[in-house]
């Protein structure tokens, strides 16, 4: 069953991860984008990697990591984290084209992608998202 409720948690607040998982939300989004200031993004990646290394399979299955958008300088670092931490559900912000989703899918094979459409260009191109996307979210 697809998640119906999502709870966002800043990726640099690992003390909140367990509480969020215990909240009853179907999925917990560990946020690397808006909720984390630029100077704290590396710390957030380390916190998510450390949490993932010790988390059980059931908890890891409920986690979605919201990465930086493809145009951000941190995008490559976020992709490396996804691979190292064996993250399988990813939220892609500011998705504007199927090509952006494909870049993510090629970098993290098998990832479940939730594409956030947050711009007019994303809305205009939404019909072109012919690649497999688990969810398109208009924001």
C-alpha atoms as a PDB file:
ATOM      1  CA  UNK A   1       0.000   0.000   0.000  1.00  0.00           C
ATOM      2  CA  UNK A   2       1.289   3.471  -0.856  1.00  0.00           C
ATOM      3  CA  UNK A   3       1.822   5.868   2.025  1.00  0.00           C
ATOM      4  CA  UNK A   4      -0.994   8.310   2.687  1.00  0.00           C
ATOM      5  CA  UNK A   5       0.669  10.387   5.389  1.00  0.00           C
ATOM      6  CA  UNK A   6       4.156  11.856   5.303  1.00  0.00           C
ATOM      7  CA  UNK A   7       6.011  13.543   8.153  1.00  0.00           C
ATOM      8  CA  UNK A   8       8.969  15.797   7.325  1.00  0.00           C
ATOM      9  CA  UNK A   9      11.998  15.808   9.633  1.00  0.00           C
ATOM     10  CA  UNK A  10      15.135  17.904   9.076  1.00  0.00           C
ATOM     11  CA  UNK A  11      17.996  15.602   8.130  1.00  0.00           C
ATOM     12  CA  UNK A  12      20.302  17.302  10.616  1.00  0.00           C
ATOM     13  CA  UNK A  13      18.036  16.401  13.568  1.00  0.00           C
ATOM     14  CA  UNK A  14      18.727  12.660  14.056  1.00  0.00           C
ATOM     15  CA  UNK A  15      17.300  12.769  17.580  1.00  0.00           C
ATOM     16  CA  UNK A  16      13.887  13.220  15.923  1.00  0.00           C
ATOM     17  CA  UNK A  17      14.087  10.284  13.491  1.00  0.00           C
ATOM     18  CA  UNK A  18      12.848   7.585  15.900  1.00  0.00           C
ATOM     19  CA  UNK A  19      10.097   9.803  17.294  1.00  0.00           C
ATOM     20  CA  UNK A  20       8.899  10.546  13.754  1.00  0.00           C
ATOM     21  CA  UNK A  21       8.853   6.825  12.912  1.00  0.00           C
ATOM     22  CA  UNK A  22       6.796   6.230  16.055  1.00  0.00           C
ATOM     23  CA  UNK A  23       4.322   8.988  15.217  1.00  0.00           C
ATOM     24  CA  UNK A  24       1.988   6.840  13.142  1.00  0.00           C
ATOM     25  CA  UNK A  25       2.859   8.533   9.844  1.00  0.00           C
ATOM     26  CA  UNK A  26       3.021   6.070   6.961  1.00  0.00           C
ATOM     27  CA  UNK A  27       6.327   7.534   5.757  1.00  0.00           C
ATOM     28  CA  UNK A  28       8.955   9.814   7.245  1.00  0.00           C
ATOM     29  CA  UNK A  29      10.769  12.224   4.968  1.00  0.00           C
ATOM     30  CA  UNK A  30      14.314  12.972   6.051  1.00  0.00           C
ATOM     31  CA  UNK A  31      14.785  16.374   4.468  1.00  0.00           C
ATOM     32  CA  UNK A  32      18.060  17.544   2.962  1.00  0.00           C
ATOM     33  CA  UNK A  33      16.526  20.406   1.030  1.00  0.00           C
ATOM     34  CA  UNK A  34      14.524  23.286   2.548  1.00  0.00           C
ATOM     35  CA  UNK A  35      14.624  22.206   6.196  1.00  0.00           C
ATOM     36  CA  UNK A  36      18.437  22.226   6.351  1.00  0.00           C
ATOM     37  CA  UNK A  37      20.535  25.372   6.025  1.00  0.00           C
ATOM     38  CA  UNK A  38      23.386  25.174   3.519  1.00  0.00           C
ATOM     39  CA  UNK A  39      26.152  25.022   6.164  1.00  0.00           C
ATOM     40  CA  UNK A  40      24.447  22.030   7.848  1.00  0.00           C
ATOM     41  CA  UNK A  41      23.825  19.869   4.752  1.00  0.00           C
ATOM     42  CA  UNK A  42      27.007  17.767   5.133  1.00  0.00           C
ATOM     43  CA  UNK A  43      26.106  17.148   8.787  1.00  0.00           C
ATOM     44  CA  UNK A  44      22.601  16.084   7.704  1.00  0.00           C
ATOM     45  CA  UNK A  45      24.005  13.616   5.166  1.00  0.00           C
ATOM     46  CA  UNK A  46      26.264  12.103   7.834  1.00  0.00           C
ATOM     47  CA  UNK A  47      23.326  11.820  10.267  1.00  0.00           C
ATOM     48  CA  UNK A  48      21.164  10.032   7.690  1.00  0.00           C
ATOM     49  CA  UNK A  49      24.011   7.682   6.734  1.00  0.00           C
ATOM     50  CA  UNK A  50      24.701   6.827  10.383  1.00  0.00           C
ATOM     51  CA  UNK A  51      21.006   6.271  11.110  1.00  0.00           C
ATOM     52  CA  UNK A  52      20.596   4.074   8.020  1.00  0.00           C
ATOM     53  CA  UNK A  53      23.591   1.920   8.959  1.00  0.00           C
ATOM     54  CA  UNK A  54      21.951   0.869  12.227  1.00  0.00           C
ATOM     55  CA  UNK A  55      18.240   1.035  11.275  1.00  0.00           C
ATOM     56  CA  UNK A  56      16.174  -2.090  10.859  1.00  0.00           C
ATOM     57  CA  UNK A  57      14.683  -3.012   7.483  1.00  0.00           C
ATOM     58  CA  UNK A  58      11.112  -2.032   8.457  1.00  0.00           C
ATOM     59  CA  UNK A  59      12.177   1.484   9.484  1.00  0.00           C
ATOM     60  CA  UNK A  60      14.345   1.931   6.383  1.00  0.00           C
ATOM     61  CA  UNK A  61      11.358   0.932   4.229  1.00  0.00           C
ATOM     62  CA  UNK A  62       9.311   3.825   5.664  1.00  0.00           C
ATOM     63  CA  UNK A  63      11.984   6.455   5.012  1.00  0.00           C
ATOM     64  CA  UNK A  64      11.994   8.839   2.059  1.00  0.00           C
ATOM     65  CA  UNK A  65      14.925  11.214   1.616  1.00  0.00           C
ATOM     66  CA  UNK A  66      14.131  14.570   0.039  1.00  0.00           C
ATOM     67  CA  UNK A  67      17.279  15.522  -1.802  1.00  0.00           C
ATOM     68  CA  UNK A  68      18.368  18.800  -3.338  1.00  0.00           C
ATOM     69  CA  UNK A  69      17.017  19.625  -6.780  1.00  0.00           C
ATOM     70  CA  UNK A  70      19.070  18.679  -9.842  1.00  0.00           C
ATOM     71  CA  UNK A  71      20.335  22.241 -10.337  1.00  0.00           C
ATOM     72  CA  UNK A  72      21.692  22.526  -6.777  1.00  0.00           C
ATOM     73  CA  UNK A  73      25.390  22.188  -6.030  1.00  0.00           C
ATOM     74  CA  UNK A  74      24.551  19.562  -3.381  1.00  0.00           C
ATOM     75  CA  UNK A  75      22.743  17.231  -5.825  1.00  0.00           C
ATOM     76  CA  UNK A  76      25.797  15.015  -6.473  1.00  0.00           C
ATOM     77  CA  UNK A  77      26.571  14.722  -2.753  1.00  0.00           C
ATOM     78  CA  UNK A  78      22.949  13.770  -2.099  1.00  0.00           C
ATOM     79  CA  UNK A  79      23.098  11.045  -4.766  1.00  0.00           C
ATOM     80  CA  UNK A  80      26.236   9.587  -3.163  1.00  0.00           C
ATOM     81  CA  UNK A  81      24.430   9.497   0.190  1.00  0.00           C
ATOM     82  CA  UNK A  82      21.498   7.611  -1.333  1.00  0.00           C
ATOM     83  CA  UNK A  83      23.820   4.922  -2.656  1.00  0.00           C
ATOM     84  CA  UNK A  84      25.958   4.667   0.478  1.00  0.00           C
ATOM     85  CA  UNK A  85      22.954   4.574   2.835  1.00  0.00           C
ATOM     86  CA  UNK A  86      20.954   2.154   0.645  1.00  0.00           C
ATOM     87  CA  UNK A  87      18.016   4.551   0.476  1.00  0.00           C
ATOM     88  CA  UNK A  88      15.305   3.278  -1.852  1.00  0.00           C
ATOM     89  CA  UNK A  89      12.683   6.056  -1.659  1.00  0.00           C
ATOM     90  CA  UNK A  90      13.608   9.518  -2.852  1.00  0.00           C
ATOM     91  CA  UNK A  91      11.676  12.774  -3.121  1.00  0.00           C
ATOM     92  CA  UNK A  92      12.914  14.921  -6.009  1.00  0.00           C
ATOM     93  CA  UNK A  93      11.997  18.583  -5.511  1.00  0.00           C
ATOM     94  CA  UNK A  94      11.361  21.044  -8.326  1.00  0.00           C
ATOM     95  CA  UNK A  95      10.970  18.273 -10.899  1.00  0.00           C
ATOM     96  CA  UNK A  96      10.488  19.844 -14.295  1.00  0.00           C
ATOM     97  CA  UNK A  97      11.157  17.036 -16.768  1.00  0.00           C
ATOM     98  CA  UNK A  98      11.307  13.313 -17.225  1.00  0.00           C
ATOM     99  CA  UNK A  99      15.021  13.741 -17.969  1.00  0.00           C
ATOM    100  CA  UNK A 100      15.611  14.903 -14.401  1.00  0.00           C
ATOM    101  CA  UNK A 101      13.852  11.821 -13.037  1.00  0.00           C
ATOM    102  CA  UNK A 102      15.911   9.631 -15.375  1.00  0.00           C
ATOM    103  CA  UNK A 103      19.148  11.157 -14.066  1.00  0.00           C
ATOM    104  CA  UNK A 104      18.066  10.170 -10.555  1.00  0.00           C
ATOM    105  CA  UNK A 105      17.001   6.685 -11.649  1.00  0.00           C
ATOM    106  CA  UNK A 106      20.310   6.061 -13.427  1.00  0.00           C
ATOM    107  CA  UNK A 107      22.305   7.234 -10.414  1.00  0.00           C
ATOM    108  CA  UNK A 108      20.215   5.221  -7.928  1.00  0.00           C
ATOM    109  CA  UNK A 109      18.858   2.162  -9.778  1.00  0.00           C
ATOM    110  CA  UNK A 110      15.630   0.795  -8.367  1.00  0.00           C
ATOM    111  CA  UNK A 111      14.845   3.928  -6.387  1.00  0.00           C
ATOM    112  CA  UNK A 112      11.207   4.753  -5.755  1.00  0.00           C
ATOM    113  CA  UNK A 113      10.863   8.378  -6.933  1.00  0.00           C
ATOM    114  CA  UNK A 114       8.326  10.869  -5.661  1.00  0.00           C
ATOM    115  CA  UNK A 115       8.610  13.868  -7.980  1.00  0.00           C
ATOM    116  CA  UNK A 116       7.529  17.226  -6.561  1.00  0.00           C
ATOM    117  CA  UNK A 117       6.226  19.566  -9.233  1.00  0.00           C
ATOM    118  CA  UNK A 118       6.720  23.047  -7.818  1.00  0.00           C
ATOM    119  CA  UNK A 119       7.148  25.269 -10.870  1.00  0.00           C
ATOM    120  CA  UNK A 120       5.150  26.314 -13.914  1.00  0.00           C
ATOM    121  CA  UNK A 121       7.661  24.437 -16.097  1.00  0.00           C
ATOM    122  CA  UNK A 122       7.009  21.266 -14.103  1.00  0.00           C
ATOM    123  CA  UNK A 123       3.261  21.628 -14.558  1.00  0.00           C
ATOM    124  CA  UNK A 124       3.666  22.312 -18.288  1.00  0.00           C
ATOM    125  CA  UNK A 125       5.849  19.216 -18.698  1.00  0.00           C
ATOM    126  CA  UNK A 126       3.954  16.865 -16.362  1.00  0.00           C
ATOM    127  CA  UNK A 127       2.337  14.966 -19.220  1.00  0.00           C
ATOM    128  CA  UNK A 128       5.826  14.148 -20.511  1.00  0.00           C
ATOM    129  CA  UNK A 129       6.797  12.252 -17.378  1.00  0.00           C
ATOM    130  CA  UNK A 130       6.587   8.947 -19.243  1.00  0.00           C
ATOM    131  CA  UNK A 131       9.242   7.297 -17.091  1.00  0.00           C
ATOM    132  CA  UNK A 132       8.123   5.396 -14.018  1.00  0.00           C
ATOM    133  CA  UNK A 133       7.408   7.812 -11.198  1.00  0.00           C
ATOM    134  CA  UNK A 134       5.620   6.536  -8.122  1.00  0.00           C
ATOM    135  CA  UNK A 135       4.021   9.863  -7.413  1.00  0.00           C
ATOM    136  CA  UNK A 136       3.767  13.318  -8.909  1.00  0.00           C
ATOM    137  CA  UNK A 137       2.968  15.912  -6.275  1.00  0.00           C
ATOM    138  CA  UNK A 138       1.794  19.393  -7.248  1.00  0.00           C
ATOM    139  CA  UNK A 139       2.874  21.893  -4.680  1.00  0.00           C
END
